[in-house]
Amino acid sequence: MSKLKNIKAETLKKAGKGVILDVRSTPEHREMCLKKKHIHIPLDNLDPAKFQKDNKLTLETPIYLLCRHGIRSTTAAERLMSFGFKNVYVVEGGIEYCKPHGLVERLSTSRSISIEEQIRIGAGSIVLVGVFLGTFIHHLFYIVPAFIGLGLIVSGITGWCGMSLLLEKMPWNKR
């Protein structure tokens, strides 16, 4: 399998041929997106075979992947490379690093809560409830915050987050 390649946001500005693929959630994309022509497919909907067929791409076509900070792009890159795409690039820092280079346009003035922020709110709430229940109800409830802590460690090491996959399927993130 090919080695994962990164590019800087300023390089994306000059990218000629190829396809830019934004793998952020629909609400995140609705809030802001690239000014440059791009394709939006949320990561959980990315099927490399369908993506190739729908966009009439060869396995040699350069694909530039974009998310909020770069984590979901890396997951998408691994998925596309294991399918056989050869020229897959992750935009370092995601759309956040594209802002200073004038590549981003704001589509909506109402701000949605990003998946990452929802994870922090959810994990913090579950930990707080688990500690409260463990302190005042029964000590076995301390398993709950320990489980969330383990999930955060796994997410930090692997880049895979079960809570994000669950949250992306929630109705408020499908608008």
Protein backbone atom coordinates (compact mmCIF):
# COMPACT_ATOMS: atom_id res chain seq x y z
CA MET A 1 0.00 0.00 0.00
CA SER A 2 1.14 3.56 -0.72
CA LYS A 3 2.52 5.76 2.02
CA LEU A 4 0.22 8.47 3.37
CA LYS A 5 1.12 11.90 1.93
CA ASN A 6 0.32 15.30 3.41
CA ILE A 7 0.13 18.70 1.74
CA LYS A 8 -0.10 22.16 3.23
CA ALA A 9 -3.18 24.34 2.77
CA GLU A 10 -1.26 26.85 0.63
CA THR A 11 -0.35 24.00 -1.76
CA LEU A 12 -4.04 23.14 -2.12
CA LYS A 13 -4.57 26.66 -3.44
CA LYS A 14 -2.32 25.81 -6.41
CA ALA A 15 -3.56 22.23 -6.93
CA GLY A 16 -4.54 21.98 -10.57
CA LYS A 17 -5.78 18.60 -11.65
CA GLY A 18 -7.33 16.21 -9.21
CA VAL A 19 -10.31 16.14 -6.89
CA ILE A 20 -10.77 17.80 -3.52
CA LEU A 21 -12.88 15.65 -1.22
CA ASP A 22 -14.35 17.13 1.98
CA VAL A 23 -15.21 14.34 4.47
CA ARG A 24 -16.68 16.51 7.24
CA SER A 25 -20.24 16.08 8.45
CA THR A 26 -23.07 17.78 6.57
CA PRO A 27 -23.69 20.44 9.27
CA GLU A 28 -19.97 21.29 9.35
CA HIS A 29 -19.92 21.59 5.55
CA ARG A 30 -23.07 23.70 5.60
CA GLU A 31 -21.42 26.12 8.03
CA MET A 32 -18.30 26.69 5.88
CA CYS A 33 -16.64 25.12 2.86
CA LEU A 34 -13.90 25.65 0.31
CA LYS A 35 -14.28 28.29 -2.35
CA LYS A 36 -12.58 25.90 -4.78
CA LYS A 37 -14.64 23.27 -6.55
CA HIS A 38 -14.84 20.19 -4.34
CA ILE A 39 -16.91 17.12 -3.55
CA HIS A 40 -18.54 16.65 -0.16
CA ILE A 41 -19.05 13.11 1.17
CA PRO A 42 -19.20 12.63 4.96
CA LEU A 43 -16.64 10.05 6.10
CA ASP A 44 -19.26 7.53 7.24
CA ASN A 45 -20.80 7.61 3.71
CA LEU A 46 -17.50 7.25 1.82
CA ASP A 47 -17.53 4.18 -0.41
CA PRO A 48 -14.34 4.25 -2.55
CA ALA A 49 -15.85 2.20 -5.41
CA LYS A 50 -18.95 4.43 -5.64
CA PHE A 51 -16.78 7.56 -5.30
CA GLN A 52 -14.58 6.40 -8.20
CA LYS A 53 -17.52 5.44 -10.42
CA ASP A 54 -19.68 8.53 -9.70
CA ASN A 55 -16.79 10.91 -10.40
CA LYS A 56 -15.26 8.94 -13.30
CA LEU A 57 -11.85 8.77 -11.63
CA THR A 58 -8.86 6.58 -12.34
CA LEU A 59 -6.79 5.10 -9.54
CA GLU A 60 -4.06 7.60 -10.55
CA THR A 61 -6.25 10.71 -10.09
CA PRO A 62 -4.87 12.96 -7.33
CA ILE A 63 -7.32 13.19 -4.41
CA TYR A 64 -6.93 15.92 -1.80
CA LEU A 65 -8.75 15.10 1.44
CA LEU A 66 -10.09 17.71 3.80
CA CYS A 67 -11.85 17.61 7.18
CA ARG A 68 -11.86 19.99 10.13
CA HIS A 69 -8.37 19.26 11.52
CA GLY A 70 -7.02 16.25 9.58
CA ILE A 71 -8.04 13.18 11.59
CA ARG A 72 -11.05 12.08 9.49
CA SER A 73 -9.06 12.85 6.33
CA THR A 74 -6.40 10.38 7.42
CA THR A 75 -9.05 7.69 7.93
CA ALA A 76 -10.52 8.47 4.49
CA ALA A 77 -7.04 8.37 2.92
CA GLU A 78 -6.38 4.92 4.36
CA ARG A 79 -9.74 3.72 3.03
CA LEU A 80 -9.08 5.12 -0.47
CA MET A 81 -5.50 3.80 -0.60
CA SER A 82 -6.57 0.31 0.45
CA PHE A 83 -9.08 0.44 -2.44
CA GLY A 84 -6.17 1.20 -4.79
CA PHE A 85 -5.99 4.97 -5.25
CA LYS A 86 -2.32 5.93 -5.65
CA ASN A 87 -2.21 9.72 -5.27
CA VAL A 88 -4.06 10.49 -2.04
CA TYR A 89 -3.12 13.59 -0.03
CA VAL A 90 -4.33 14.81 3.36
CA VAL A 91 -4.55 18.59 3.76
CA GLU A 92 -2.61 19.27 6.98
CA GLY A 93 -4.71 20.99 9.60
CA GLY A 94 -7.89 20.61 7.56
CA ILE A 95 -10.24 23.45 6.77
CA GLU A 96 -9.05 25.34 9.85
CA TYR A 97 -5.62 25.78 8.21
CA CYS A 98 -7.26 26.78 4.91
CA LYS A 99 -8.95 29.85 6.45
CA PRO A 100 -5.83 32.07 6.63
CA HIS A 101 -5.11 31.34 2.95
CA GLY A 102 -8.46 32.67 1.74
CA LEU A 103 -9.72 29.26 0.64
CA VAL A 104 -12.84 29.16 2.83
CA GLU A 105 -16.25 30.74 2.51
CA ARG A 106 -18.82 30.91 5.28
CA LEU A 107 -22.17 29.60 4.10
CA SER A 108 -24.21 29.92 7.26
CA THR A 109 -24.05 32.43 10.06
CA SER A 110 -25.57 30.00 12.52
CA ARG A 111 -22.85 27.87 14.04
CA SER A 112 -23.44 24.16 14.46
CA ILE A 113 -21.65 22.22 17.16
CA SER A 114 -18.94 20.14 15.50
CA ILE A 115 -18.69 16.39 16.07
CA GLU A 116 -15.47 16.95 18.05
CA GLU A 117 -17.24 19.40 20.37
CA GLN A 118 -20.18 17.02 20.74
CA ILE A 119 -17.74 14.25 21.73
CA ARG A 120 -16.19 16.47 24.43
CA ILE A 121 -19.62 17.46 25.76
CA GLY A 122 -20.86 13.85 25.69
CA ALA A 123 -17.73 12.31 27.22
CA GLY A 124 -17.56 14.97 29.93
CA SER A 125 -21.24 14.51 30.80
CA ILE A 126 -20.95 10.73 30.98
CA VAL A 127 -17.83 10.95 33.16
CA LEU A 128 -19.52 13.45 35.49
CA VAL A 129 -22.65 11.28 35.85
CA GLY A 130 -20.52 8.15 36.38
CA VAL A 131 -18.48 9.82 39.14
CA PHE A 132 -21.65 11.15 40.78
CA LEU A 133 -23.34 7.73 40.69
CA GLY A 134 -20.16 6.01 41.88
CA THR A 135 -19.87 8.38 44.81
CA PHE A 136 -23.49 8.48 45.94
CA ILE A 137 -25.16 5.29 44.64
CA HIS A 138 -22.72 2.39 44.19
CA HIS A 139 -18.97 2.13 43.59
CA LEU A 140 -19.46 -0.05 40.47
CA PHE A 141 -20.65 3.03 38.59
CA TYR A 142 -16.99 4.11 38.49
CA ILE A 143 -16.70 1.66 35.57
CA VAL A 144 -18.55 4.22 33.41
CA PRO A 145 -15.91 7.00 33.55
CA ALA A 146 -13.17 4.36 33.26
CA PHE A 147 -14.80 3.07 30.05
CA ILE A 148 -15.01 6.60 28.61
CA GLY A 149 -11.37 7.23 29.55
CA LEU A 150 -10.34 4.03 27.78
CA GLY A 151 -12.33 5.10 24.71
CA LEU A 152 -10.55 8.46 24.64
CA ILE A 153 -7.16 6.73 24.90
CA VAL A 154 -8.01 4.36 22.02
CA SER A 155 -9.26 7.31 19.96
CA GLY A 156 -6.08 9.27 20.62
CA ILE A 157 -3.83 6.37 19.64
CA THR A 158 -5.72 5.00 16.64
CA GLY A 159 -7.73 7.98 15.34
CA TRP A 160 -10.87 5.80 15.49
CA CYS A 161 -13.66 7.08 17.70
CA GLY A 162 -16.81 5.06 18.26
CA MET A 163 -18.60 8.03 19.80
CA SER A 164 -18.01 10.12 16.65
CA LEU A 165 -19.43 7.34 14.47
CA LEU A 166 -22.51 7.23 16.69
CA LEU A 167 -22.91 11.02 16.80
CA GLU A 168 -22.62 11.35 13.01
CA LYS A 169 -25.73 9.18 12.70
CA MET A 170 -27.80 11.34 15.06
CA PRO A 171 -30.67 13.26 13.40
CA TRP A 172 -29.34 16.70 14.40
CA ASN A 173 -26.14 15.93 12.43
CA LYS A 174 -28.04 14.90 9.28
CA ARG A 175 -29.73 18.24 8.56
